[in-house]
């Protein structure tokens, strides 16, 4: 599989973001997970999807007053 586009597997994403896979799937179920793309039989997360996901989580935290 060519990964020169810097996309991540779900496991790589979880490691990079320091979340367990259960949390990842709970976020997806709640509609708060990153966008996935299917490549063959595998799911990948693009750098843009990861960046968008982080911005959305940061905005959500700010709206809730977290970290203020």
PDB file of N, CA and C in Angstrom:
ATOM      1  N   UNK A   1       0.855  -1.177   0.000  1.00  0.00           N
ATOM      2  CA  UNK A   1       0.000   0.000   0.000  1.00  0.00           C
ATOM      3  C   UNK A   1       0.897   1.235   0.000  1.00  0.00           C
ATOM      4  N   UNK A   2       0.643   2.154  -0.884  1.00  0.00           N
ATOM      5  CA  UNK A   2       1.414   3.399  -0.967  1.00  0.00           C
ATOM      6  C   UNK A   2       0.876   4.388   0.053  1.00  0.00           C
ATOM      7  N   UNK A   3       1.711   4.735   1.029  1.00  0.00           N
ATOM      8  CA  UNK A   3       1.282   5.682   2.056  1.00  0.00           C
ATOM      9  C   UNK A   3       2.057   6.989   1.947  1.00  0.00           C
ATOM     10  N   UNK A   4       2.578   7.284   0.754  1.00  0.00           N
ATOM     11  CA  UNK A   4       3.350   8.501   0.578  1.00  0.00           C
ATOM     12  C   UNK A   4       2.495   9.759   0.732  1.00  0.00           C
ATOM     13  N   UNK A   5       1.182   9.597   0.793  1.00  0.00           N
ATOM     14  CA  UNK A   5       0.300  10.759   0.980  1.00  0.00           C
ATOM     15  C   UNK A   5       0.191  11.149   2.454  1.00  0.00           C
ATOM     16  N   UNK A   6       0.878  10.442   3.329  1.00  0.00           N
ATOM     17  CA  UNK A   6       0.893  10.714   4.762  1.00  0.00           C
ATOM     18  C   UNK A   6      -0.430  10.427   5.466  1.00  0.00           C
ATOM     19  N   UNK A   7      -1.319   9.683   4.832  1.00  0.00           N
ATOM     20  CA  UNK A   7      -2.547   9.307   5.522  1.00  0.00           C
ATOM     21  C   UNK A   7      -2.210   8.289   6.609  1.00  0.00           C
ATOM     22  N   UNK A   8      -3.097   8.184   7.589  1.00  0.00           N
ATOM     23  CA  UNK A   8      -2.876   7.310   8.734  1.00  0.00           C
ATOM     24  C   UNK A   8      -3.922   6.209   8.791  1.00  0.00           C
ATOM     25  N   UNK A   9      -3.517   5.054   9.301  1.00  0.00           N
ATOM     26  CA  UNK A   9      -4.494   4.026   9.633  1.00  0.00           C
ATOM     27  C   UNK A   9      -5.194   4.477  10.914  1.00  0.00           C
ATOM     28  N   UNK A  10      -6.250   3.807  11.274  1.00  0.00           N
ATOM     29  CA  UNK A  10      -6.941   4.140  12.518  1.00  0.00           C
ATOM     30  C   UNK A  10      -6.000   3.961  13.710  1.00  0.00           C
ATOM     31  N   UNK A  11      -5.234   2.881  13.721  1.00  0.00           N
ATOM     32  CA  UNK A  11      -4.299   2.646  14.820  1.00  0.00           C
ATOM     33  C   UNK A  11      -3.225   3.733  14.869  1.00  0.00           C
ATOM     34  N   UNK A  12      -2.681   4.113  13.721  1.00  0.00           N
ATOM     35  CA  UNK A  12      -1.681   5.188  13.683  1.00  0.00           C
ATOM     36  C   UNK A  12      -2.267   6.506  14.178  1.00  0.00           C
ATOM     37  N   UNK A  13      -3.504   6.786  13.760  1.00  0.00           N
ATOM     38  CA  UNK A  13      -4.184   8.009  14.208  1.00  0.00           C
ATOM     39  C   UNK A  13      -4.336   7.995  15.729  1.00  0.00           C
ATOM     40  N   UNK A  14      -4.781   6.874  16.266  1.00  0.00           N
ATOM     41  CA  UNK A  14      -4.982   6.770  17.713  1.00  0.00           C
ATOM     42  C   UNK A  14      -3.676   6.981  18.459  1.00  0.00           C
ATOM     43  N   UNK A  15      -2.612   6.396  17.961  1.00  0.00           N
ATOM     44  CA  UNK A  15      -1.308   6.579  18.598  1.00  0.00           C
ATOM     45  C   UNK A  15      -0.861   8.036  18.520  1.00  0.00           C
ATOM     46  N   UNK A  16      -1.031   8.648  17.355  1.00  0.00           N
ATOM     47  CA  UNK A  16      -0.597  10.038  17.163  1.00  0.00           C
ATOM     48  C   UNK A  16      -1.386  10.995  18.044  1.00  0.00           C
ATOM     49  N   UNK A  17      -2.678  10.732  18.218  1.00  0.00           N
ATOM     50  CA  UNK A  17      -3.538  11.609  19.014  1.00  0.00           C
ATOM     51  C   UNK A  17      -3.640  11.180  20.468  1.00  0.00           C
ATOM     52  N   UNK A  18      -2.977  10.075  20.793  1.00  0.00           N
ATOM     53  CA  UNK A  18      -2.957   9.555  22.169  1.00  0.00           C
ATOM     54  C   UNK A  18      -4.363   9.265  22.701  1.00  0.00           C
ATOM     55  N   UNK A  19      -5.148   8.591  21.868  1.00  0.00           N
ATOM     56  CA  UNK A  19      -6.469   8.112  22.293  1.00  0.00           C
ATOM     57  C   UNK A  19      -6.521   6.609  22.036  1.00  0.00           C
ATOM     58  N   UNK A  20      -7.224   5.903  22.876  1.00  0.00           N
ATOM     59  CA  UNK A  20      -7.348   4.463  22.655  1.00  0.00           C
ATOM     60  C   UNK A  20      -8.364   4.212  21.535  1.00  0.00           C
ATOM     61  N   UNK A  21      -8.291   3.022  20.971  1.00  0.00           N
ATOM     62  CA  UNK A  21      -9.204   2.707  19.864  1.00  0.00           C
ATOM     63  C   UNK A  21     -10.662   2.736  20.307  1.00  0.00           C
ATOM     64  N   UNK A  22     -10.940   2.340  21.540  1.00  0.00           N
ATOM     65  CA  UNK A  22     -12.326   2.391  22.032  1.00  0.00           C
ATOM     66  C   UNK A  22     -12.836   3.831  22.009  1.00  0.00           C
ATOM     67  N   UNK A  23     -11.998   4.760  22.430  1.00  0.00           N
ATOM     68  CA  UNK A  23     -12.388   6.174  22.397  1.00  0.00           C
ATOM     69  C   UNK A  23     -12.618   6.617  20.963  1.00  0.00           C
ATOM     70  N   UNK A  24     -11.740   6.194  20.062  1.00  0.00           N
ATOM     71  CA  UNK A  24     -11.906   6.538  18.644  1.00  0.00           C
ATOM     72  C   UNK A  24     -13.284   6.083  18.152  1.00  0.00           C
ATOM     73  N   UNK A  25     -13.630   4.826  18.402  1.00  0.00           N
ATOM     74  CA  UNK A  25     -14.907   4.305  17.908  1.00  0.00           C
ATOM     75  C   UNK A  25     -16.096   4.945  18.619  1.00  0.00           C
ATOM     76  N   UNK A  26     -15.946   5.303  19.887  1.00  0.00           N
ATOM     77  CA  UNK A  26     -17.008   6.029  20.584  1.00  0.00           C
ATOM     78  C   UNK A  26     -17.208   7.412  19.967  1.00  0.00           C
ATOM     79  N   UNK A  27     -16.109   8.080  19.635  1.00  0.00           N
ATOM     80  CA  UNK A  27     -16.210   9.385  18.968  1.00  0.00           C
ATOM     81  C   UNK A  27     -16.890   9.241  17.610  1.00  0.00           C
ATOM     82  N   UNK A  28     -16.509   8.222  16.838  1.00  0.00           N
ATOM     83  CA  UNK A  28     -17.140   7.998  15.528  1.00  0.00           C
ATOM     84  C   UNK A  28     -18.642   7.773  15.702  1.00  0.00           C
ATOM     85  N   UNK A  29     -19.010   6.950  16.676  1.00  0.00           N
ATOM     86  CA  UNK A  29     -20.420   6.648  16.924  1.00  0.00           C
ATOM     87  C   UNK A  29     -21.200   7.910  17.288  1.00  0.00           C
ATOM     88  N   UNK A  30     -20.542   8.825  17.998  1.00  0.00           N
ATOM     89  CA  UNK A  30     -21.173  10.080  18.414  1.00  0.00           C
ATOM     90  C   UNK A  30     -21.125  11.141  17.322  1.00  0.00           C
ATOM     91  N   UNK A  31     -20.555  10.792  16.164  1.00  0.00           N
ATOM     92  CA  UNK A  31     -20.453  11.751  15.067  1.00  0.00           C
ATOM     93  C   UNK A  31     -19.327  12.754  15.241  1.00  0.00           C
ATOM     94  N   UNK A  32     -18.359  12.428  16.097  1.00  0.00           N
ATOM     95  CA  UNK A  32     -17.268  13.347  16.390  1.00  0.00           C
ATOM     96  C   UNK A  32     -15.903  12.803  15.965  1.00  0.00           C
ATOM     97  N   UNK A  33     -15.898  11.760  15.190  1.00  0.00           N
ATOM     98  CA  UNK A  33     -14.635  11.192  14.726  1.00  0.00           C
ATOM     99  C   UNK A  33     -14.180  11.861  13.443  1.00  0.00           C
ATOM    100  N   UNK A  34     -12.939  11.597  13.042  1.00  0.00           N
ATOM    101  CA  UNK A  34     -12.437  12.169  11.794  1.00  0.00           C
ATOM    102  C   UNK A  34     -13.073  11.484  10.584  1.00  0.00           C
ATOM    103  N   UNK A  35     -13.061  12.190   9.453  1.00  0.00           N
ATOM    104  CA  UNK A  35     -13.522  11.581   8.205  1.00  0.00           C
ATOM    105  C   UNK A  35     -12.584  10.427   7.844  1.00  0.00           C
ATOM    106  N   UNK A  36     -13.159   9.370   7.329  1.00  0.00           N
ATOM    107  CA  UNK A  36     -12.377   8.219   6.886  1.00  0.00           C
ATOM    108  C   UNK A  36     -12.478   8.081   5.385  1.00  0.00           C
ATOM    109  N   UNK A  37     -11.423   7.575   4.789  1.00  0.00           N
ATOM    110  CA  UNK A  37     -11.487   7.206   3.377  1.00  0.00           C
ATOM    111  C   UNK A  37     -11.139   5.731   3.285  1.00  0.00           C
ATOM    112  N   UNK A  38     -11.837   5.032   2.419  1.00  0.00           N
ATOM    113  CA  UNK A  38     -11.585   3.608   2.240  1.00  0.00           C
ATOM    114  C   UNK A  38     -10.644   3.427   1.066  1.00  0.00           C
ATOM    115  N   UNK A  39      -9.560   2.721   1.321  1.00  0.00           N
ATOM    116  CA  UNK A  39      -8.575   2.407   0.289  1.00  0.00           C
ATOM    117  C   UNK A  39      -8.485   0.885   0.249  1.00  0.00           C
ATOM    118  N   UNK A  40      -9.086   0.299  -0.777  1.00  0.00           N
ATOM    119  CA  UNK A  40      -9.184  -1.162  -0.815  1.00  0.00           C
ATOM    120  C   UNK A  40     -10.073  -1.614   0.322  1.00  0.00           C
ATOM    121  N   UNK A  41      -9.537  -2.466   1.176  1.00  0.00           N
ATOM    122  CA  UNK A  41     -10.310  -2.926   2.337  1.00  0.00           C
ATOM    123  C   UNK A  41      -9.880  -2.220   3.625  1.00  0.00           C
ATOM    124  N   UNK A  42      -9.068  -1.192   3.491  1.00  0.00           N
ATOM    125  CA  UNK A  42      -8.539  -0.476   4.649  1.00  0.00           C
ATOM    126  C   UNK A  42      -9.133   0.928   4.748  1.00  0.00           C
ATOM    127  N   UNK A  43      -9.220   1.421   5.969  1.00  0.00           N
ATOM    128  CA  UNK A  43      -9.651   2.795   6.198  1.00  0.00           C
ATOM    129  C   UNK A  43      -8.446   3.635   6.565  1.00  0.00           C
ATOM    130  N   UNK A  44      -8.390   4.856   6.017  1.00  0.00           N
ATOM    131  CA  UNK A  44      -7.277   5.774   6.267  1.00  0.00           C
ATOM    132  C   UNK A  44      -7.849   7.141   6.623  1.00  0.00           C
ATOM    133  N   UNK A  45      -7.031   7.922   7.301  1.00  0.00           N
ATOM    134  CA  UNK A  45      -7.389   9.282   7.693  1.00  0.00           C
ATOM    135  C   UNK A  45      -6.370  10.213   7.068  1.00  0.00           C
ATOM    136  N   UNK A  46      -6.850  11.112   6.225  1.00  0.00           N
ATOM    137  CA  UNK A  46      -5.945  12.033   5.527  1.00  0.00           C
ATOM    138  C   UNK A  46      -5.437  13.101   6.487  1.00  0.00           C
ATOM    139  N   UNK A  47      -4.309  13.725   6.154  1.00  0.00           N
ATOM    140  CA  UNK A  47      -3.830  14.835   6.987  1.00  0.00           C
ATOM    141  C   UNK A  47      -4.872  15.946   7.129  1.00  0.00           C
ATOM    142  N   UNK A  48      -5.608  16.237   6.075  1.00  0.00           N
ATOM    143  CA  UNK A  48      -6.643  17.277   6.139  1.00  0.00           C
ATOM    144  C   UNK A  48      -7.771  16.869   7.072  1.00  0.00           C
ATOM    145  N   UNK A  49      -8.196  15.606   7.005  1.00  0.00           N
ATOM    146  CA  UNK A  49      -9.252  15.127   7.899  1.00  0.00           C
ATOM    147  C   UNK A  49      -8.797  15.188   9.350  1.00  0.00           C
ATOM    148  N   UNK A  50      -7.538  14.860   9.590  1.00  0.00           N
ATOM    149  CA  UNK A  50      -7.005  14.938  10.954  1.00  0.00           C
ATOM    150  C   UNK A  50      -6.988  16.388  11.448  1.00  0.00           C
ATOM    151  N   UNK A  51      -6.528  17.301  10.605  1.00  0.00           N
ATOM    152  CA  UNK A  51      -6.481  18.717  10.977  1.00  0.00           C
ATOM    153  C   UNK A  51      -7.889  19.261  11.232  1.00  0.00           C
ATOM    154  N   UNK A  52      -8.841  18.890  10.377  1.00  0.00           N
ATOM    155  CA  UNK A  52     -10.227  19.330  10.552  1.00  0.00           C
ATOM    156  C   UNK A  52     -10.798  18.786  11.859  1.00  0.00           C
ATOM    157  N   UNK A  53     -10.497  17.527  12.153  1.00  0.00           N
ATOM    158  CA  UNK A  53     -10.970  16.896  13.379  1.00  0.00           C
ATOM    159  C   UNK A  53     -10.428  17.636  14.597  1.00  0.00           C
ATOM    160  N   UNK A  54      -9.135  17.959  14.573  1.00  0.00           N
ATOM    161  CA  UNK A  54      -8.529  18.674  15.706  1.00  0.00           C
ATOM    162  C   UNK A  54      -9.163  20.054  15.888  1.00  0.00           C
ATOM    163  N   UNK A  55      -9.384  20.769  14.787  1.00  0.00           N
ATOM    164  CA  UNK A  55     -10.021  22.085  14.883  1.00  0.00           C
ATOM    165  C   UNK A  55     -11.420  21.972  15.481  1.00  0.00           C
ATOM    166  N   UNK A  56     -12.159  20.970  15.051  1.00  0.00           N
ATOM    167  CA  UNK A  56     -13.518  20.783  15.565  1.00  0.00           C
ATOM    168  C   UNK A  56     -13.505  20.460  17.056  1.00  0.00           C
ATOM    169  N   UNK A  57     -12.582  19.627  17.491  1.00  0.00           N
ATOM    170  CA  UNK A  57     -12.494  19.292  18.921  1.00  0.00           C
ATOM    171  C   UNK A  57     -12.066  20.512  19.732  1.00  0.00           C
ATOM    172  N   UNK A  58     -11.139  21.316  19.179  1.00  0.00           N
ATOM    173  CA  UNK A  58     -10.707  22.541  19.870  1.00  0.00           C
ATOM    174  C   UNK A  58     -11.855  23.539  19.979  1.00  0.00           C
ATOM    175  N   UNK A  59     -12.626  23.684  18.909  1.00  0.00           N
ATOM    176  CA  UNK A  59     -13.771  24.599  18.923  1.00  0.00           C
ATOM    177  C   UNK A  59     -14.818  24.124  19.922  1.00  0.00           C
ATOM    178  N   UNK A  60     -15.034  22.833  19.966  1.00  0.00           N
ATOM    179  CA  UNK A  60     -15.995  22.272  20.917  1.00  0.00           C
ATOM    180  C   UNK A  60     -15.541  22.538  22.351  1.00  0.00           C
ATOM    181  N   UNK A  61     -14.279  22.342  22.625  1.00  0.00           N
ATOM    182  CA  UNK A  61     -13.738  22.590  23.970  1.00  0.00           C
ATOM    183  C   UNK A  61     -13.862  24.059  24.339  1.00  0.00           C
ATOM    184  N   UNK A  62     -13.572  24.943  23.394  1.00  0.00           N
ATOM    185  CA  UNK A  62     -13.677  26.378  23.654  1.00  0.00           C
ATOM    186  C   UNK A  62     -15.118  26.777  23.947  1.00  0.00           C
ATOM    187  N   UNK A  63     -16.053  26.187  23.202  1.00  0.00           N
ATOM    188  CA  UNK A  63     -17.473  26.504  23.405  1.00  0.00           C
ATOM    189  C   UNK A  63     -17.948  26.039  24.779  1.00  0.00           C
ATOM    190  N   UNK A  64     -17.326  24.975  25.281  1.00  0.00           N
ATOM    191  CA  UNK A  64     -17.690  24.443  26.592  1.00  0.00           C
ATOM    192  C   UNK A  64     -16.913  25.134  27.721  1.00  0.00           C
ATOM    193  N   UNK A  65     -15.992  26.035  27.344  1.00  0.00           N
ATOM    194  CA  UNK A  65     -15.213  26.754  28.335  1.00  0.00           C
ATOM    195  C   UNK A  65     -14.061  25.952  28.916  1.00  0.00           C
ATOM    196  N   UNK A  66     -13.676  24.871  28.241  1.00  0.00           N
ATOM    197  CA  UNK A  66     -12.571  24.049  28.715  1.00  0.00           C
ATOM    198  C   UNK A  66     -11.262  24.779  28.481  1.00  0.00           C
ATOM    199  N   UNK A  67     -10.402  24.801  29.495  1.00  0.00           N
ATOM    200  CA  UNK A  67      -9.089  25.411  29.357  1.00  0.00           C
ATOM    201  C   UNK A  67      -9.085  26.925  29.512  1.00  0.00           C
ATOM    202  N   UNK A  68     -10.149  27.478  30.003  1.00  0.00           N
ATOM    203  CA  UNK A  68     -10.195  28.938  30.175  1.00  0.00           C
ATOM    204  C   UNK A  68     -10.080  29.322  31.621  1.00  0.00           C
TER     205      UNK A  68
END
